[in-house]
Amino acid sequence: MLPIRMPNQISTRWALLLAGTCALASMYLVLAMIGALSENQIIGLPTVPELTLWGLPLSLLIRDIAMALTVGSALVGGVLAPKPDVFLGRVTSLSALVWLLAIAAQSVFTVSEVLAFSLSDSLNLNIWWSLLSQTTVGQVMLVQAVLLIFVALLGWVVLDRITGLIISVLAVTAAFLPGLTGHSSLTDTHNAASISLGIHIVAMSAWIGGLVALVIYLLRSGTDSGKVIRRFSTLALISVVLLVESGLLNASLRLDGPAALVTSFYGAILLAKISILIVLISFGWRVRKKISESADQGPMNNVAITLLAGREVIWMGLVLGLSVALSRTAPPGEFQAGDQLIWVALLVLGLFLPYSLYYLLPRGKGAVQFLHKYPDVSAIALIMWLYLFTTFFTSTTVGQSIGAQWFALVGSAVTIFLGYQFVSAILLNRSWSTAGFAVVGIPLVGWWLERDVTGGLHWSFWVVTLFAVLFILFLMRPVAPKPKILNNESVEISA
């Protein structure tokens, strides 16, 4: 077999860069859509500086990335590795310092946002200390800062397994604390929401940060790679279970029913996040199973490691960006008659969530066999249903809200089912006529839904619709051959 030349570690670095870019793009796009990056100036009332509206989410995103890397490096380097890894210990220390700096920036931006102060006025030590000492948000930041100082110091001088365990416990505790500062408008259910949110953050940090730390470990050492991968797979499975359970509990406490998923931006973001998580779960399970088997045969090469990390890290970047945007989005209020469907939510239900289910299930399983011969029917059925759903939902909500909730639940389920039929048909047949029906029909349904919006269609409608069209065309791409996981003997890696 001819040797395959790959630049050392370049693919993984590009994946990390793309992940960060996707995180920033998804976060700011969603925040711009909900109007969270600007404020209407009212005469006589102070306004939050625009720099604060942009800077606070950025500090939260940097905090979450550093948090994930700190927790993941501590767990992989101090617990999962055969012996404590010195390099990952130093990565833990440095990422903890970045986390600490992000918290400091977050505290300043928080003062500016709450009091509508300029950034220079927000640096007033008396006001800043009042935030840290007299508010729940500030007290959590203060405790986190103390824990992170210990993590940074101990991580730089990892001595043994006990030290690694202590660092991991401190990092996990610091990651749990932001859950206590979530949406405090939940009165009777505040404790349950806070605990579930804290668990959700820890699970996501261990999963995302653990994958990056695992790649770093394999690229530098690779000692007992099969054992470390299997241990991380166990950690990832536990993290996914906790992530799903805590996420469902948290969502149930913040949403007033199924209708909120399709009538609010909060629900639409939540649906998009669920779609990406399904892709991550299915992709991670398949790839790690193959790579674990390959690692038992000898040291792994860059092809295998890149396969392990590349696309998964990019998807994880999208999840982090959406998570920050979700934390900056107020939960929907009580459902009222006349609430309108959200176009973004319909696209997620009809296109993106079905695609993630197609990725999770054996390809084509659950698709109606009739559509294998006549795939155009699937596109027409989806378009007709979206039209009916958007037309009759508002008239249904005039009645009792309970009936509207059931209509939203059944309608969402039908949308997912028909969307799955469409995605399966187009991926199994690669029919341009099927794609053509969808490219023309779906934007028309969106126009029909948003046609009465005061002031004309918002720019976000065109961005989201264009993204949906590009996604449909993406489904028509040629099928690439599956990459093979090669042994080091058959791969020559250039420096």
Protein backbone atom coordinates (compact mmCIF):
# COMPACT_ATOMS: atom_id res chain seq x y z
CA MET A 1 0.00 0.00 0.00
CA LEU A 2 1.36 3.44 -0.92
CA PRO A 3 2.18 5.75 1.98
CA ILE A 4 -0.17 8.64 2.70
CA ARG A 5 1.46 11.94 3.60
CA MET A 6 -0.30 14.23 6.04
CA PRO A 7 1.08 17.40 7.66
CA ASN A 8 1.58 16.76 11.35
CA GLN A 9 -1.36 18.00 13.48
CA ILE A 10 -2.50 20.56 10.87
CA SER A 11 -5.91 18.97 10.36
CA THR A 12 -6.65 18.96 14.07
CA ARG A 13 -5.60 22.59 14.41
CA TRP A 14 -7.84 23.57 11.52
CA ALA A 15 -10.70 21.68 13.16
CA LEU A 16 -10.20 23.64 16.40
CA LEU A 17 -10.07 26.92 14.48
CA LEU A 18 -13.25 26.07 12.58
CA ALA A 19 -14.93 25.04 15.84
CA GLY A 20 -14.18 28.43 17.37
CA THR A 21 -15.38 30.21 14.24
CA CYS A 22 -18.62 28.22 14.22
CA ALA A 23 -19.16 28.95 17.92
CA LEU A 24 -18.74 32.70 17.38
CA ALA A 25 -20.86 32.77 14.22
CA SER A 26 -23.76 30.75 15.65
CA MET A 27 -23.77 32.73 18.92
CA TYR A 28 -23.75 36.20 17.36
CA LEU A 29 -26.20 35.22 14.60
CA VAL A 30 -28.78 34.00 17.11
CA LEU A 31 -28.24 37.00 19.39
CA ALA A 32 -28.66 39.36 16.43
CA MET A 33 -31.87 37.59 15.41
CA ILE A 34 -33.43 38.10 18.84
CA GLY A 35 -32.21 41.70 19.07
CA ALA A 36 -29.81 41.08 21.96
CA LEU A 37 -26.93 43.01 20.36
CA SER A 38 -28.66 46.39 20.34
CA GLU A 39 -31.01 48.41 22.52
CA ASN A 40 -33.70 50.92 21.73
CA GLN A 41 -32.74 54.28 23.16
CA ILE A 42 -35.49 55.79 25.31
CA ILE A 43 -35.17 59.45 26.22
CA GLY A 44 -34.46 59.84 29.92
CA LEU A 45 -33.39 56.24 30.49
CA PRO A 46 -29.79 54.96 30.41
CA THR A 47 -28.89 52.37 27.79
CA VAL A 48 -26.40 49.54 27.95
CA PRO A 49 -23.29 50.30 25.86
CA GLU A 50 -23.14 48.40 22.58
CA LEU A 51 -19.65 47.18 23.46
CA THR A 52 -21.13 45.48 26.53
CA LEU A 53 -23.87 43.80 24.52
CA TRP A 54 -21.19 42.29 22.25
CA GLY A 55 -18.50 41.76 24.87
CA LEU A 56 -20.51 39.95 27.56
CA PRO A 57 -21.51 37.00 25.30
CA LEU A 58 -17.91 36.79 24.06
CA SER A 59 -16.62 36.59 27.65
CA LEU A 60 -19.19 33.87 28.37
CA LEU A 61 -18.11 31.90 25.30
CA ILE A 62 -14.42 32.16 26.23
CA ARG A 63 -15.34 31.13 29.76
CA ASP A 64 -17.22 28.07 28.53
CA ILE A 65 -14.41 27.03 26.18
CA ALA A 66 -11.79 27.44 28.91
CA MET A 67 -14.08 25.65 31.36
CA ALA A 68 -14.47 22.68 29.04
CA LEU A 69 -10.74 22.46 28.37
CA THR A 70 -9.93 22.73 32.09
CA VAL A 71 -12.37 20.01 33.11
CA GLY A 72 -11.50 17.75 30.17
CA SER A 73 -7.72 18.07 30.59
CA ALA A 74 -7.98 17.45 34.33
CA LEU A 75 -10.07 14.31 33.83
CA VAL A 76 -8.10 12.85 30.92
CA GLY A 77 -4.64 13.81 32.18
CA GLY A 78 -5.21 13.18 35.86
CA VAL A 79 -7.74 10.33 35.94
CA LEU A 80 -8.09 8.47 32.63
CA ALA A 81 -4.43 8.32 31.54
CA PRO A 82 -2.40 5.34 32.78
CA LYS A 83 -0.33 7.81 34.81
CA PRO A 84 -0.79 11.56 35.38
CA ASP A 85 0.20 13.44 32.24
CA VAL A 86 2.42 16.45 32.94
CA PHE A 87 1.61 18.26 29.69
CA LEU A 88 -2.16 17.97 30.18
CA GLY A 89 -1.65 19.17 33.74
CA ARG A 90 -0.09 22.34 32.36
CA VAL A 91 -2.89 22.67 29.82
CA THR A 92 -5.30 22.44 32.75
CA SER A 93 -3.37 25.16 34.58
CA LEU A 94 -3.25 27.56 31.61
CA SER A 95 -6.89 27.04 30.65
CA ALA A 96 -7.87 27.67 34.29
CA LEU A 97 -6.06 31.02 34.09
CA VAL A 98 -7.96 31.87 30.89
CA TRP A 99 -11.17 30.86 32.64
CA LEU A 100 -10.25 33.16 35.54
CA LEU A 101 -9.59 36.09 33.19
CA ALA A 102 -12.90 35.44 31.40
CA ILE A 103 -14.73 35.57 34.75
CA ALA A 104 -13.03 38.89 35.53
CA ALA A 105 -14.16 40.29 32.16
CA GLN A 106 -17.65 38.84 32.71
CA SER A 107 -17.93 40.62 36.07
CA VAL A 108 -17.08 43.98 34.52
CA PHE A 109 -19.50 43.49 31.62
CA THR A 110 -22.19 42.36 34.08
CA VAL A 111 -21.87 45.60 36.08
CA SER A 112 -22.11 47.54 32.83
CA GLU A 113 -25.21 45.63 31.72
CA VAL A 114 -27.10 45.68 35.03
CA LEU A 115 -26.43 49.36 35.82
CA ALA A 116 -26.14 50.61 32.21
CA PHE A 117 -22.68 51.98 32.99
CA SER A 118 -19.87 52.57 30.57
CA LEU A 119 -16.99 50.12 30.83
CA SER A 120 -14.78 52.74 32.45
CA ASP A 121 -17.40 53.44 35.13
CA SER A 122 -17.91 49.69 35.62
CA LEU A 123 -14.27 49.39 36.70
CA ASN A 124 -15.05 51.35 39.88
CA LEU A 125 -13.71 49.10 42.65
CA ASN A 126 -16.51 49.87 45.10
CA ILE A 127 -19.25 48.99 42.61
CA TRP A 128 -17.33 45.96 41.35
CA TRP A 129 -16.81 44.62 44.87
CA SER A 130 -20.50 45.18 45.67
CA LEU A 131 -21.36 42.90 42.76
CA LEU A 132 -18.97 40.19 43.96
CA SER A 133 -19.96 40.34 47.63
CA GLN A 134 -23.68 41.19 47.64
CA THR A 135 -25.19 39.35 44.67
CA THR A 136 -25.54 35.64 43.92
CA VAL A 137 -23.88 36.07 40.53
CA GLY A 138 -20.91 37.84 42.08
CA GLN A 139 -20.53 35.37 44.94
CA VAL A 140 -20.47 32.49 42.49
CA MET A 141 -17.77 34.28 40.47
CA LEU A 142 -15.75 34.86 43.63
CA VAL A 143 -15.90 31.20 44.71
CA GLN A 144 -15.01 30.11 41.18
CA ALA A 145 -11.98 32.43 41.20
CA VAL A 146 -10.69 30.89 44.44
CA LEU A 147 -11.13 27.34 43.12
CA LEU A 148 -9.44 28.20 39.83
CA ILE A 149 -6.40 29.64 41.57
CA PHE A 150 -5.88 26.27 43.26
CA VAL A 151 -6.47 24.44 39.96
CA ALA A 152 -3.92 26.64 38.19
CA LEU A 153 -1.29 26.10 40.89
CA LEU A 154 -1.81 22.35 41.34
CA GLY A 155 -2.19 21.68 37.60
CA TRP A 156 1.27 23.05 36.90
CA VAL A 157 2.89 20.59 39.33
CA VAL A 158 0.86 17.40 38.89
CA LEU A 159 2.59 14.87 41.14
CA ASP A 160 0.48 11.74 41.39
CA ARG A 161 -2.98 10.28 40.95
CA ILE A 162 -4.27 11.87 44.17
CA THR A 163 -3.24 15.31 42.92
CA GLY A 164 -4.97 14.61 39.60
CA LEU A 165 -8.18 13.63 41.41
CA ILE A 166 -8.09 16.76 43.58
CA ILE A 167 -7.62 18.98 40.52
CA SER A 168 -10.50 17.21 38.75
CA VAL A 169 -12.84 17.66 41.73
CA LEU A 170 -11.97 21.36 42.02
CA ALA A 171 -12.47 21.91 38.28
CA VAL A 172 -15.80 20.06 38.21
CA THR A 173 -17.02 22.03 41.25
CA ALA A 174 -16.08 25.32 39.60
CA ALA A 175 -17.91 24.23 36.42
CA PHE A 176 -21.05 23.35 38.40
CA LEU A 177 -21.36 26.76 40.06
CA PRO A 178 -22.58 28.82 37.03
CA GLY A 179 -25.75 26.73 37.10
CA LEU A 180 -26.70 28.58 40.28
CA THR A 181 -26.89 31.86 38.34
CA GLY A 182 -29.31 30.72 35.63
CA HIS A 183 -32.71 32.29 34.92
CA SER A 184 -33.86 33.15 38.43
CA SER A 185 -37.41 33.85 37.37
CA LEU A 186 -38.27 30.23 38.13
CA THR A 187 -39.64 30.58 41.65
CA ASP A 188 -40.89 27.28 43.00
CA THR A 189 -38.69 25.25 40.67
CA HIS A 190 -35.53 27.35 41.04
CA ASN A 191 -33.56 24.74 42.99
CA ALA A 192 -34.35 21.94 40.55
CA ALA A 193 -33.54 24.19 37.60
CA SER A 194 -30.24 25.31 39.15
CA ILE A 195 -29.07 21.79 40.01
CA SER A 196 -30.05 20.37 36.63
CA LEU A 197 -28.34 23.29 34.85
CA GLY A 198 -25.17 22.76 36.90
CA ILE A 199 -25.11 19.06 36.01
CA HIS A 200 -25.77 19.97 32.38
CA ILE A 201 -22.76 22.31 32.29
CA VAL A 202 -20.45 19.78 33.95
CA ALA A 203 -21.52 16.98 31.59
CA MET A 204 -21.01 19.15 28.51
CA SER A 205 -17.61 20.36 29.76
CA ALA A 206 -16.41 16.82 30.46
CA TRP A 207 -17.58 15.61 27.05
CA ILE A 208 -16.34 18.48 24.87
CA GLY A 209 -13.18 19.28 26.83
CA GLY A 210 -12.44 15.60 27.30
CA LEU A 211 -12.42 15.00 23.54
CA VAL A 212 -9.96 17.85 22.94
CA ALA A 213 -7.76 16.65 25.79
CA LEU A 214 -7.88 13.09 24.44
CA VAL A 215 -6.69 14.30 21.03
CA ILE A 216 -3.85 16.24 22.66
CA TYR A 217 -2.85 13.15 24.63
CA LEU A 218 -2.90 10.89 21.56
CA LEU A 219 -0.95 13.32 19.40
CA ARG A 220 1.77 13.74 22.03
CA SER A 221 2.02 10.31 23.58
CA GLY A 222 -0.40 7.62 22.45
CA THR A 223 0.64 5.32 25.30
CA ASP A 224 -2.06 2.70 25.88
CA SER A 225 -4.25 4.61 23.42
CA GLY A 226 -6.87 1.86 23.22
CA LYS A 227 -7.29 1.81 26.99
CA VAL A 228 -7.54 5.60 27.24
CA ILE A 229 -10.08 5.77 24.40
CA ARG A 230 -12.27 3.11 26.02
CA ARG A 231 -12.09 4.92 29.36
CA PHE A 232 -13.04 8.18 27.69
CA SER A 233 -15.88 6.44 25.85
CA THR A 234 -17.28 5.42 29.24
CA LEU A 235 -16.92 8.99 30.49
CA ALA A 236 -18.55 10.29 27.31
CA LEU A 237 -21.48 7.88 27.71
CA ILE A 238 -22.06 8.98 31.31
CA SER A 239 -21.77 12.62 30.24
CA VAL A 240 -24.29 12.15 27.41
CA VAL A 241 -26.82 10.47 29.73
CA LEU A 242 -26.47 13.28 32.28
CA LEU A 243 -26.56 15.87 29.51
CA VAL A 244 -29.81 14.55 28.06
CA GLU A 245 -31.54 13.96 31.40
CA SER A 246 -30.59 17.33 32.88
CA GLY A 247 -31.39 19.12 29.62
CA LEU A 248 -34.87 17.59 29.42
CA LEU A 249 -35.57 18.43 33.07
CA ASN A 250 -34.32 22.00 32.65
CA ALA A 251 -36.34 22.52 29.47
CA SER A 252 -39.51 21.15 31.06
CA LEU A 253 -39.14 23.69 33.88
CA ARG A 254 -38.64 26.64 31.52
CA LEU A 255 -41.22 25.83 28.82
CA ASP A 256 -44.97 25.97 29.44
CA GLY A 257 -45.74 23.19 26.96
CA PRO A 258 -44.95 21.76 23.52
CA ALA A 259 -46.22 24.90 21.79
CA ALA A 260 -43.31 26.90 23.23
CA LEU A 261 -40.92 24.83 21.12
CA VAL A 262 -42.44 26.21 17.92
CA THR A 263 -43.70 29.63 19.04
CA SER A 264 -40.56 31.05 20.69
CA PHE A 265 -36.92 31.63 19.77
CA TYR A 266 -35.97 29.90 23.02
CA GLY A 267 -37.68 26.73 21.82
CA ALA A 268 -36.18 27.05 18.34
CA ILE A 269 -32.64 27.33 19.75
CA LEU A 270 -33.35 24.35 21.99
CA LEU A 271 -34.49 22.27 18.99
CA ALA A 272 -31.36 23.23 17.04
CA LYS A 273 -29.17 22.26 19.99
CA ILE A 274 -30.96 18.89 20.30
CA SER A 275 -30.39 18.24 16.58
CA ILE A 276 -26.64 18.83 16.88
CA LEU A 277 -26.39 16.71 20.02
CA ILE A 278 -28.03 13.79 18.22
CA VAL A 279 -25.44 14.08 15.43
CA LEU A 280 -22.64 14.25 18.01
CA ILE A 281 -23.87 11.18 19.88
CA SER A 282 -24.22 9.04 16.77
CA PHE A 283 -20.98 10.21 15.17
CA GLY A 284 -18.93 9.86 18.35
CA TRP A 285 -20.20 6.37 19.10
CA ARG A 286 -19.44 5.03 15.62
CA VAL A 287 -16.03 6.61 15.23
CA ARG A 288 -14.72 5.75 18.69
CA LYS A 289 -15.84 2.15 18.27
CA LYS A 290 -13.80 1.80 15.08
CA ILE A 291 -10.79 3.68 16.43
CA SER A 292 -10.75 1.74 19.68
CA GLU A 293 -10.52 -1.48 17.70
CA SER A 294 -7.72 -0.02 15.56
CA ALA A 295 -5.81 1.29 18.58
CA ASP A 296 -5.53 -2.23 20.00
CA GLN A 297 -3.40 -3.16 16.98
CA GLY A 298 -0.73 -0.55 17.71
CA PRO A 299 -0.02 3.17 18.04
CA MET A 300 -2.46 5.44 16.21
CA ASN A 301 -1.58 7.76 13.36
CA ASN A 302 -2.82 11.22 12.50
CA VAL A 303 -5.47 9.88 10.10
CA ALA A 304 -7.20 8.05 12.94
CA ILE A 305 -6.81 10.90 15.40
CA THR A 306 -8.17 13.44 12.92
CA LEU A 307 -11.10 11.13 12.19
CA LEU A 308 -11.73 11.00 15.93
CA ALA A 309 -11.71 14.75 16.42
CA GLY A 310 -12.30 16.71 13.19
CA ARG A 311 -16.01 16.98 12.47
CA GLU A 312 -17.02 16.22 16.05
CA VAL A 313 -15.08 19.20 17.43
CA ILE A 314 -16.68 21.49 14.84
CA TRP A 315 -20.18 20.32 15.82
CA MET A 316 -19.22 20.87 19.45
CA GLY A 317 -18.28 24.45 18.63
CA LEU A 318 -21.80 24.99 17.30
CA VAL A 319 -23.23 23.54 20.52
CA LEU A 320 -21.16 25.91 22.67
CA GLY A 321 -22.23 28.91 20.60
CA LEU A 322 -25.90 27.96 20.82
CA SER A 323 -25.57 27.29 24.56
CA VAL A 324 -24.30 30.83 25.21
CA ALA A 325 -27.07 32.27 23.01
CA LEU A 326 -29.63 30.17 24.88
CA SER A 327 -28.37 31.47 28.23
CA ARG A 328 -28.89 35.04 26.94
CA THR A 329 -32.43 34.30 25.72
CA ALA A 330 -35.35 34.73 28.10
CA PRO A 331 -37.62 31.69 28.48
CA PRO A 332 -41.02 32.12 26.79
CA GLY A 333 -43.92 33.48 28.78
CA GLU A 334 -47.23 31.76 29.26
CA PHE A 335 -48.82 30.48 26.07
CA GLN A 336 -51.54 32.74 24.71
CA ALA A 337 -54.08 32.39 21.95
CA GLY A 338 -52.77 33.85 18.71
CA ASP A 339 -49.11 33.00 19.28
CA GLN A 340 -47.49 32.47 15.88
CA LEU A 341 -45.17 29.73 14.74
CA ILE A 342 -41.46 30.56 14.47
CA TRP A 343 -39.97 29.96 11.02
CA VAL A 344 -36.62 28.84 12.46
CA ALA A 345 -38.34 26.19 14.59
CA LEU A 346 -40.23 24.82 11.57
CA LEU A 347 -37.02 24.52 9.57
CA VAL A 348 -35.34 22.66 12.42
CA LEU A 349 -38.31 20.30 12.74
CA GLY A 350 -38.62 19.74 8.99
CA LEU A 351 -34.95 19.60 7.92
CA PHE A 352 -32.22 19.61 10.55
CA LEU A 353 -33.74 17.34 13.20
CA PRO A 354 -34.77 14.74 10.57
CA TYR A 355 -31.22 14.83 9.19
CA SER A 356 -29.80 14.15 12.66
CA LEU A 357 -32.21 11.23 13.07
CA TYR A 358 -31.15 9.88 9.67
CA TYR A 359 -27.56 10.12 10.86
CA LEU A 360 -28.41 8.29 14.10
CA LEU A 361 -30.49 5.45 12.65
CA PRO A 362 -29.30 2.88 10.11
CA ARG A 363 -29.46 4.85 6.89
CA GLY A 364 -32.95 4.82 5.45
CA LYS A 365 -34.52 2.81 8.28
CA GLY A 366 -38.05 4.04 8.89
CA ALA A 367 -38.41 5.53 5.42
CA VAL A 368 -41.49 4.58 3.40
CA GLN A 369 -40.42 2.23 0.58
CA PHE A 370 -42.83 3.93 -1.82
CA LEU A 371 -40.66 7.06 -1.69
CA HIS A 372 -37.64 5.13 -2.95
CA LYS A 373 -39.35 5.01 -6.35
CA TYR A 374 -41.10 8.38 -6.18
CA PRO A 375 -38.93 10.68 -4.03
CA ASP A 376 -40.62 13.85 -5.32
CA VAL A 377 -43.72 12.89 -3.33
CA SER A 378 -41.79 13.36 -0.09
CA ALA A 379 -40.91 16.98 -0.92
CA ILE A 380 -44.46 17.79 -2.00
CA ALA A 381 -45.92 16.19 1.15
CA LEU A 382 -43.55 18.14 3.41
CA ILE A 383 -44.32 21.45 1.70
CA MET A 384 -48.08 20.88 1.81
CA TRP A 385 -47.96 19.94 5.49
CA LEU A 386 -45.87 22.99 6.41
CA TYR A 387 -48.43 25.16 4.62
CA LEU A 388 -51.35 23.52 6.46
CA PHE A 389 -49.55 23.64 9.81
CA THR A 390 -48.75 27.35 9.51
CA THR A 391 -52.24 28.19 8.23
CA PHE A 392 -54.34 26.39 10.83
CA PHE A 393 -52.17 26.79 13.93
CA THR A 394 -53.14 30.41 14.60
CA SER A 395 -56.85 29.72 14.10
CA THR A 396 -56.58 26.72 16.44
CA THR A 397 -54.96 28.79 19.19
CA VAL A 398 -58.03 31.04 19.31
CA GLY A 399 -59.67 28.21 21.19
CA GLN A 400 -58.50 26.62 24.41
CA SER A 401 -54.76 26.59 25.00
CA ILE A 402 -54.85 22.88 25.89
CA GLY A 403 -56.11 22.05 22.41
CA ALA A 404 -53.45 24.27 20.90
CA GLN A 405 -50.74 22.51 22.91
CA TRP A 406 -51.87 19.14 21.58
CA PHE A 407 -52.10 20.53 18.07
CA ALA A 408 -48.53 21.85 18.40
CA LEU A 409 -47.28 18.50 19.70
CA VAL A 410 -48.98 16.42 16.99
CA GLY A 411 -48.06 18.94 14.29
CA SER A 412 -44.41 18.92 15.35
CA ALA A 413 -44.34 15.12 15.29
CA VAL A 414 -45.87 15.03 11.80
CA THR A 415 -43.34 17.64 10.62
CA ILE A 416 -40.43 15.54 11.91
CA PHE A 417 -41.87 12.40 10.29
CA LEU A 418 -42.40 14.01 6.89
CA GLY A 419 -39.05 15.75 7.14
CA TYR A 420 -37.37 12.40 7.78
CA GLN A 421 -39.09 10.95 4.72
CA PHE A 422 -37.84 13.87 2.62
CA VAL A 423 -34.26 13.68 3.93
CA SER A 424 -34.17 9.91 3.45
CA ALA A 425 -35.59 10.13 -0.06
CA ILE A 426 -33.16 12.79 -1.21
CA LEU A 427 -30.12 11.09 0.33
CA LEU A 428 -31.03 7.66 -1.03
CA ASN A 429 -31.93 8.89 -4.55
CA ARG A 430 -29.95 12.11 -5.06
CA SER A 431 -32.89 13.40 -7.10
CA TRP A 432 -32.48 16.96 -8.36
CA SER A 433 -36.20 17.27 -9.00
CA THR A 434 -36.88 16.46 -5.34
CA ALA A 435 -34.34 19.09 -4.26
CA GLY A 436 -35.87 21.55 -6.71
CA PHE A 437 -39.36 21.19 -5.25
CA ALA A 438 -37.97 21.84 -1.76
CA VAL A 439 -35.75 24.76 -2.79
CA VAL A 440 -38.74 26.54 -4.34
CA GLY A 441 -41.56 25.40 -2.04
CA ILE A 442 -40.03 25.78 1.42
CA PRO A 443 -39.12 29.49 1.02
CA LEU A 444 -42.68 30.11 -0.26
CA VAL A 445 -44.10 28.55 2.92
CA GLY A 446 -41.81 30.79 4.96
CA TRP A 447 -43.04 33.85 3.07
CA TRP A 448 -46.65 32.76 3.68
CA LEU A 449 -45.97 32.48 7.41
CA GLU A 450 -44.21 35.85 7.70
CA ARG A 451 -46.16 37.82 5.06
CA ASP A 452 -48.07 39.97 7.58
CA VAL A 453 -45.03 41.04 9.60
CA THR A 454 -45.05 44.79 10.21
CA GLY A 455 -42.23 46.58 8.39
CA GLY A 456 -41.55 43.74 5.97
CA LEU A 457 -39.54 40.59 6.28
CA HIS A 458 -36.64 40.82 8.75
CA TRP A 459 -33.13 40.20 7.44
CA SER A 460 -32.91 37.12 9.66
CA PHE A 461 -35.70 35.49 7.62
CA TRP A 462 -33.59 35.69 4.48
CA VAL A 463 -30.47 34.42 6.25
CA VAL A 464 -32.25 31.42 7.75
CA THR A 465 -34.09 30.64 4.51
CA LEU A 466 -30.86 30.85 2.52
CA PHE A 467 -29.23 28.50 5.03
CA ALA A 468 -32.12 26.04 4.54
CA VAL A 469 -31.72 26.18 0.76
CA LEU A 470 -27.98 25.59 1.03
CA PHE A 471 -28.65 22.71 3.40
CA ILE A 472 -30.96 21.06 0.86
CA LEU A 473 -28.28 21.45 -1.81
CA PHE A 474 -25.75 20.03 0.65
CA LEU A 475 -27.86 16.87 0.84
CA MET A 476 -27.31 16.46 -2.90
CA ARG A 477 -23.51 16.35 -2.60
CA PRO A 478 -21.74 13.27 -4.04
CA VAL A 479 -21.13 10.48 -1.55
CA ALA A 480 -17.46 10.47 -0.52
CA PRO A 481 -15.70 7.16 0.12
CA LYS A 482 -15.42 6.27 3.78
CA PRO A 483 -11.94 6.98 5.19
CA LYS A 484 -10.00 4.00 6.42
CA ILE A 485 -8.16 3.86 9.70
CA LEU A 486 -4.61 2.89 8.83
CA ASN A 487 -1.77 1.50 10.87
CA ASN A 488 1.41 3.47 11.29
CA GLU A 489 3.25 1.11 8.96
CA SER A 490 1.09 2.28 6.03
CA VAL A 491 1.15 5.98 6.85
CA GLU A 492 4.10 8.30 6.45
CA ILE A 493 3.65 11.57 8.34
CA SER A 494 5.78 14.52 7.34
CA ALA A 495 6.96 16.93 10.00
